Amino acid sequence: MPWDEQLLSLRPTNAMHPLGAGSRVPLFNGRHLLDALADGLTSLWLPRVEAPAAVAGLLRAAAHARAALGLCLGSDAQAATDWRHQARPGALLQAVLDGLADLDDPPPLCLHVEAPPVEGAGSPQADSVQAHLAACLGAGFTSFGVDLGACPEPERPALAARLLEPALDLELGWSARLPAEGGTREARVEHVVRQHQALRAAGLSPDLVLLPGPDELGDEAWYLAAGVTERLAPCGVAWRSAGRKLKAPPAQVGVRALLGDVRLARTGLADPDKLEALAYLDGLEYLEALGARGSSQRVADFLGRQH
């Protein structure tokens, strides 16, 4: 699919500087991809990747499936103070550029960064995460995620506003990881809704709330996602897992993104060719299961309507 100048002109300004004026890389706002895929009831896949070879395989899979894709930088296992030094946004962007070099039909994509939990708006962790998110913005990232679960509930809006300020100014897509506590299904939903309402009252409207998926909650994840979606639309739900059987959630559940996948965390695999091949096969399987085949055209059509 051709990415003409009009569509490429809709790339975020922060992405254009590292890409260069002559770049043809279709790196778009994560919010735009979510909105485009909502038209076709397709979930956006945002796998977390740690090795350049995996990036190449995923991009090739998306190109062959003609599917939109996100790539995620971040790790649940890292503390906030360590994450800034270990996560390398420039390296992920370079892996994308290298992976797209041999593709005649590059897929539309976004680069997402998932920040670790921060204990409070005034904590040293907040300083570290804020600085690294700013570095990701400068490196061309177009989607941002903040984890508010470790922060006292009254401080969560202030923390989100502090961490996301530059991204919000550019109207880039963002997600908030919110705790879903409670002894019943209804209590879990109410807990998430209350936190979301506090964000909205502070002028913050996330595109996604990141909730436990089937691997964490089992079938309860489906009920939680459906209940939250009904109360928070147009804000959608993101999962970290789709379950062992990789069954795509139906549209009414409202899972607009699958953020992460354990099978791609193969950093111990020494052979880059094998890692790329496995990522390619995983990519085709996930994109097919999420109904993403052919979604590149829906992104192009959506962006064309925005021009």
Protein backbone atom coordinates (compact mmCIF):
# COMPACT_ATOMS: atom_id res chain seq x y z
CA MET A 1 0.00 0.00 0.00
CA PRO A 2 1.46 3.39 -0.95
CA TRP A 3 2.00 5.90 1.83
CA ASP A 4 1.65 9.19 0.00
CA GLU A 5 2.86 12.56 1.19
CA GLN A 6 -0.54 13.59 2.52
CA LEU A 7 -0.79 10.58 4.82
CA LEU A 8 2.84 10.78 5.91
CA SER A 9 2.34 14.44 6.77
CA LEU A 10 0.06 13.27 9.60
CA ARG A 11 2.97 11.70 11.47
CA PRO A 12 3.57 13.36 14.87
CA THR A 13 6.12 16.15 14.86
CA ASN A 14 8.25 14.46 17.53
CA ALA A 15 8.65 11.43 15.23
CA MET A 16 9.71 13.46 12.22
CA HIS A 17 12.95 14.76 13.72
CA PRO A 18 14.63 11.38 14.37
CA LEU A 19 13.22 9.91 11.14
CA GLY A 20 14.47 12.72 8.94
CA ALA A 21 12.69 14.79 6.33
CA GLY A 22 12.98 12.21 3.55
CA SER A 23 11.81 9.21 5.59
CA ARG A 24 8.93 7.09 4.29
CA VAL A 25 8.46 5.22 7.57
CA PRO A 26 4.71 5.17 8.44
CA LEU A 27 5.18 5.85 12.16
CA PHE A 28 1.89 7.30 13.39
CA ASN A 29 0.21 8.46 16.58
CA GLY A 30 -0.90 5.48 18.63
CA ARG A 31 -4.26 7.19 19.15
CA HIS A 32 -4.81 7.31 15.41
CA LEU A 33 -4.14 3.59 15.05
CA LEU A 34 -6.58 2.77 17.85
CA ASP A 35 -9.27 4.99 16.36
CA ALA A 36 -8.74 3.56 12.89
CA LEU A 37 -8.94 -0.03 14.08
CA ALA A 38 -12.03 0.69 16.18
CA ASP A 39 -13.83 1.21 12.86
CA GLY A 40 -13.10 -2.40 11.96
CA LEU A 41 -13.47 -3.85 15.49
CA THR A 42 -9.84 -4.95 15.50
CA SER A 43 -7.53 -5.02 18.50
CA LEU A 44 -4.12 -3.39 18.12
CA TRP A 45 -1.25 -5.70 19.02
CA LEU A 46 1.54 -4.02 20.98
CA PRO A 47 4.08 -6.77 21.72
CA ARG A 48 6.94 -5.99 24.08
CA VAL A 49 10.25 -6.64 22.36
CA GLU A 50 13.78 -6.70 23.69
CA ALA A 51 15.91 -7.86 20.75
CA PRO A 52 16.42 -6.22 17.32
CA ALA A 53 15.99 -9.54 15.52
CA ALA A 54 12.51 -9.93 17.01
CA VAL A 55 11.59 -6.47 15.71
CA ALA A 56 12.56 -7.48 12.19
CA GLY A 57 10.43 -10.62 12.36
CA LEU A 58 7.39 -8.81 13.70
CA LEU A 59 7.59 -6.09 11.06
CA ARG A 60 7.86 -8.68 8.30
CA ALA A 61 4.82 -10.51 9.68
CA ALA A 62 2.81 -7.29 9.79
CA ALA A 63 3.85 -6.42 6.25
CA HIS A 64 2.83 -9.85 4.94
CA ALA A 65 -0.50 -9.67 6.77
CA ARG A 66 -0.97 -6.04 5.67
CA ALA A 67 -1.65 -5.26 9.31
CA ALA A 68 -1.08 -2.31 11.63
CA LEU A 69 1.27 -2.99 14.53
CA GLY A 70 2.65 -1.41 17.67
CA LEU A 71 5.98 -2.20 19.27
CA CYS A 72 6.40 -1.77 23.01
CA LEU A 73 9.42 -0.90 25.12
CA GLY A 74 9.15 -1.66 28.81
CA SER A 75 9.28 -4.35 31.44
CA ASP A 76 7.26 -5.23 34.51
CA ALA A 77 10.36 -6.68 36.11
CA GLN A 78 12.40 -3.47 36.21
CA ALA A 79 12.36 -0.96 39.04
CA ALA A 80 11.82 2.63 38.02
CA THR A 81 15.35 3.68 38.92
CA ASP A 82 16.88 0.85 36.86
CA TRP A 83 14.53 1.16 33.92
CA ARG A 84 15.86 4.53 32.80
CA HIS A 85 19.35 3.10 32.31
CA GLN A 86 18.36 -0.26 30.79
CA ALA A 87 15.54 0.66 28.40
CA ARG A 88 16.95 2.14 25.19
CA PRO A 89 14.37 4.00 23.07
CA GLY A 90 16.88 4.94 20.37
CA ALA A 91 17.87 1.30 19.94
CA LEU A 92 14.26 0.24 19.34
CA LEU A 93 13.77 2.99 16.76
CA GLN A 94 16.96 1.94 14.97
CA ALA A 95 15.79 -1.69 14.98
CA VAL A 96 12.56 -0.53 13.34
CA LEU A 97 14.44 1.41 10.67
CA ASP A 98 16.69 -1.60 9.99
CA GLY A 99 13.73 -3.98 9.91
CA LEU A 100 11.82 -1.82 7.44
CA ALA A 101 14.78 -1.30 5.11
CA ASP A 102 14.02 -4.36 2.98
CA LEU A 103 10.22 -4.11 3.06
CA ASP A 104 8.55 -2.70 -0.04
CA ASP A 105 5.21 -2.32 1.74
CA PRO A 106 5.89 -1.19 5.33
CA PRO A 107 3.04 -1.57 7.81
CA PRO A 108 1.64 1.41 9.71
CA LEU A 109 2.98 1.32 13.25
CA CYS A 110 3.35 3.14 16.53
CA LEU A 111 6.09 2.93 19.14
CA HIS A 112 4.76 2.54 22.67
CA VAL A 113 6.67 2.86 25.94
CA GLU A 114 5.31 1.23 29.08
CA ALA A 115 6.68 2.90 32.21
CA PRO A 116 7.17 1.00 35.49
CA PRO A 117 5.11 1.79 38.60
CA VAL A 118 5.90 4.97 40.54
CA GLU A 119 5.11 5.33 44.24
CA GLY A 120 4.10 8.98 44.19
CA ALA A 121 4.16 12.24 42.27
CA GLY A 122 6.95 13.63 44.46
CA SER A 123 9.09 10.50 44.65
CA PRO A 124 12.62 10.12 43.17
CA GLN A 125 11.12 7.40 40.97
CA ALA A 126 8.94 10.03 39.34
CA ASP A 127 12.02 12.07 38.42
CA SER A 128 13.65 9.05 36.77
CA VAL A 129 10.56 7.95 34.85
CA GLN A 130 9.70 11.48 33.77
CA ALA A 131 13.19 11.96 32.34
CA HIS A 132 13.08 8.68 30.46
CA LEU A 133 9.62 9.29 29.03
CA ALA A 134 10.92 12.62 27.76
CA ALA A 135 13.80 10.75 26.11
CA CYS A 136 11.31 8.40 24.47
CA LEU A 137 9.34 11.37 23.18
CA GLY A 138 12.52 12.81 21.66
CA ALA A 139 13.34 9.43 20.11
CA GLY A 140 10.05 9.44 18.21
CA PHE A 141 7.77 7.33 20.38
CA THR A 142 4.11 7.92 19.60
CA SER A 143 2.26 6.15 22.44
CA PHE A 144 2.82 6.19 26.20
CA GLY A 145 1.73 4.08 29.15
CA VAL A 146 1.90 4.94 32.84
CA ASP A 147 1.44 2.52 35.73
CA LEU A 148 -0.47 4.22 38.55
CA GLY A 149 -0.96 1.13 40.70
CA ALA A 150 1.77 1.85 43.26
CA CYS A 151 0.75 5.48 43.79
CA PRO A 152 -1.78 6.47 46.48
CA GLU A 153 -5.13 6.93 44.79
CA PRO A 154 -5.54 10.68 45.51
CA GLU A 155 -2.13 11.38 43.87
CA ARG A 156 -2.72 9.43 40.66
CA PRO A 157 -4.04 12.31 38.50
CA ALA A 158 -1.13 14.55 39.53
CA LEU A 159 1.37 11.77 38.79
CA ALA A 160 -0.11 11.05 35.36
CA ALA A 161 -0.13 14.75 34.48
CA ARG A 162 3.50 15.13 35.50
CA LEU A 163 4.79 12.08 33.64
CA LEU A 164 2.78 12.65 30.47
CA GLU A 165 2.89 16.44 30.12
CA PRO A 166 4.94 16.60 26.87
CA ALA A 167 3.02 13.72 25.27
CA LEU A 168 -0.30 15.31 26.22
CA ASP A 169 0.79 18.58 24.63
CA LEU A 170 1.28 16.71 21.34
CA GLU A 171 -2.04 14.84 21.78
CA LEU A 172 -0.33 11.47 21.53
CA GLY A 173 -2.10 8.30 22.59
CA TRP A 174 -1.66 7.06 26.14
CA SER A 175 -2.79 4.36 28.53
CA ALA A 176 -3.09 4.12 32.30
CA ARG A 177 -2.58 0.92 34.24
CA LEU A 178 -5.14 0.99 37.06
CA PRO A 179 -5.66 -1.47 39.92
CA ALA A 180 -8.84 -3.54 39.73
CA GLU A 181 -9.44 -4.40 43.37
CA GLY A 182 -12.54 -5.79 45.01
CA GLY A 183 -14.11 -9.01 46.17
CA THR A 184 -16.83 -9.13 43.51
CA ARG A 185 -17.07 -8.44 39.78
CA GLU A 186 -19.11 -5.32 40.44
CA ALA A 187 -16.61 -4.04 42.99
CA ARG A 188 -13.71 -4.48 40.55
CA VAL A 189 -15.53 -2.53 37.87
CA GLU A 190 -16.49 0.25 40.29
CA HIS A 191 -12.88 0.53 41.48
CA VAL A 192 -11.59 1.04 37.95
CA VAL A 193 -14.41 3.45 37.05
CA ARG A 194 -13.77 5.59 40.14
CA GLN A 195 -10.08 5.93 39.29
CA HIS A 196 -10.87 6.78 35.68
CA GLN A 197 -13.37 9.41 36.75
CA ALA A 198 -10.70 11.04 38.93
CA LEU A 199 -8.41 11.25 35.88
CA ARG A 200 -11.18 12.73 33.77
CA ALA A 201 -11.98 15.29 36.47
CA ALA A 202 -8.35 16.43 36.26
CA GLY A 203 -8.62 16.88 32.48
CA LEU A 204 -6.89 13.58 31.65
CA SER A 205 -8.60 11.20 29.21
CA PRO A 206 -6.64 8.00 28.56
CA ASP A 207 -7.24 6.12 25.34
CA LEU A 208 -6.88 2.82 27.19
CA VAL A 209 -7.01 1.46 30.71
CA LEU A 210 -4.63 -1.44 31.15
CA LEU A 211 -6.27 -4.27 33.09
CA PRO A 212 -5.32 -7.85 33.99
CA GLY A 213 -5.98 -10.28 31.15
CA PRO A 214 -7.02 -13.93 31.07
CA ASP A 215 -3.58 -15.19 32.10
CA GLU A 216 -3.88 -13.17 35.32
CA LEU A 217 -7.63 -13.32 36.08
CA GLY A 218 -8.92 -16.22 34.02
CA ASP A 219 -12.49 -15.82 32.78
CA GLU A 220 -13.01 -12.96 35.24
CA ALA A 221 -10.93 -10.79 32.89
CA TRP A 222 -13.71 -10.97 30.30
CA TYR A 223 -16.36 -9.79 32.75
CA LEU A 224 -14.12 -7.01 34.04
CA ALA A 225 -13.28 -5.75 30.56
CA ALA A 226 -16.91 -5.80 29.44
CA GLY A 227 -18.09 -4.00 32.58
CA VAL A 228 -15.40 -1.33 32.34
CA THR A 229 -16.00 -0.79 28.63
CA GLU A 230 -19.72 -0.28 29.18
CA ARG A 231 -19.03 2.43 31.76
CA LEU A 232 -16.02 4.19 30.23
CA ALA A 233 -16.60 4.27 26.47
CA PRO A 234 -15.03 5.65 24.29
CA CYS A 235 -12.04 4.76 26.47
CA GLY A 236 -11.10 1.15 25.75
CA VAL A 237 -9.40 -1.66 27.60
CA ALA A 238 -5.93 -3.10 27.02
CA TRP A 239 -4.85 -6.55 28.20
CA ARG A 240 -1.39 -7.92 28.84
CA SER A 241 -2.46 -11.41 27.80
CA ALA A 242 -5.05 -13.11 25.63
CA GLY A 243 -5.02 -16.49 27.37
CA ARG A 244 -3.29 -19.73 26.47
CA LYS A 245 -5.65 -20.47 23.59
CA LEU A 246 -5.14 -16.99 22.10
CA LYS A 247 -8.84 -16.44 21.61
CA ALA A 248 -9.63 -12.98 20.30
CA PRO A 249 -12.07 -11.07 22.55
CA PRO A 250 -15.43 -10.22 20.96
CA ALA A 251 -16.07 -6.60 20.13
CA GLN A 252 -18.50 -6.02 23.00
CA VAL A 253 -15.78 -6.83 25.54
CA GLY A 254 -14.01 -3.65 24.42
CA VAL A 255 -10.41 -4.92 24.40
CA ARG A 256 -8.87 -2.48 21.94
CA ALA A 257 -5.24 -3.50 22.45
CA LEU A 258 -3.19 -6.51 23.50
CA LEU A 259 -0.13 -5.09 25.19
CA GLY A 260 2.63 -7.64 25.62
CA ASP A 261 3.28 -11.33 25.15
CA VAL A 262 5.51 -13.68 27.10
CA ARG A 263 6.54 -15.81 24.13
CA LEU A 264 8.46 -12.93 22.58
CA ALA A 265 10.69 -12.50 25.65
CA ARG A 266 13.41 -14.74 24.24
CA THR A 267 16.44 -12.66 25.10
CA GLY A 268 18.42 -15.80 25.94
CA LEU A 269 18.18 -17.07 22.38
CA ALA A 270 21.61 -16.54 20.87
CA ASP A 271 20.84 -17.08 17.18
CA PRO A 272 19.32 -13.86 15.74
CA ASP A 273 18.08 -15.62 12.60
CA LYS A 274 16.14 -18.13 14.69
CA LEU A 275 14.78 -15.35 16.91
CA GLU A 276 13.61 -13.41 13.86
CA ALA A 277 11.93 -16.49 12.40
CA LEU A 278 10.13 -17.31 15.65
CA ALA A 279 8.97 -13.71 16.06
CA TYR A 280 7.69 -13.81 12.49
CA LEU A 281 5.64 -16.95 13.15
CA ASP A 282 4.34 -15.59 16.45
CA GLY A 283 3.47 -12.34 14.73
CA LEU A 284 1.41 -14.00 12.02
CA GLU A 285 -0.45 -16.07 14.63
CA TYR A 286 -1.31 -13.12 16.84
CA LEU A 287 -2.27 -10.77 14.03
CA GLU A 288 -4.56 -13.43 12.58
CA ALA A 289 -6.18 -14.18 15.95
CA LEU A 290 -6.81 -10.49 16.65
CA GLY A 291 -8.46 -9.95 13.28
CA ALA A 292 -5.72 -7.58 12.16
CA ARG A 293 -5.14 -8.95 8.65
CA GLY A 294 -5.75 -6.17 6.16
CA SER A 295 -5.96 -3.46 8.82
CA SER A 296 -3.32 -1.32 7.08
CA GLN A 297 -5.96 -0.19 4.62
CA ARG A 298 -8.32 0.84 7.41
CA VAL A 299 -5.55 2.96 8.91
CA ALA A 300 -4.89 4.61 5.56
CA ASP A 301 -8.61 5.28 5.03
CA PHE A 302 -8.97 6.74 8.53
CA LEU A 303 -5.93 9.01 8.14
CA GLY A 304 -7.22 10.13 4.75
CA ARG A 305 -10.45 11.29 6.39
CA GLN A 306 -8.44 13.26 8.95
CA HIS A 307 -6.39 15.15 6.35
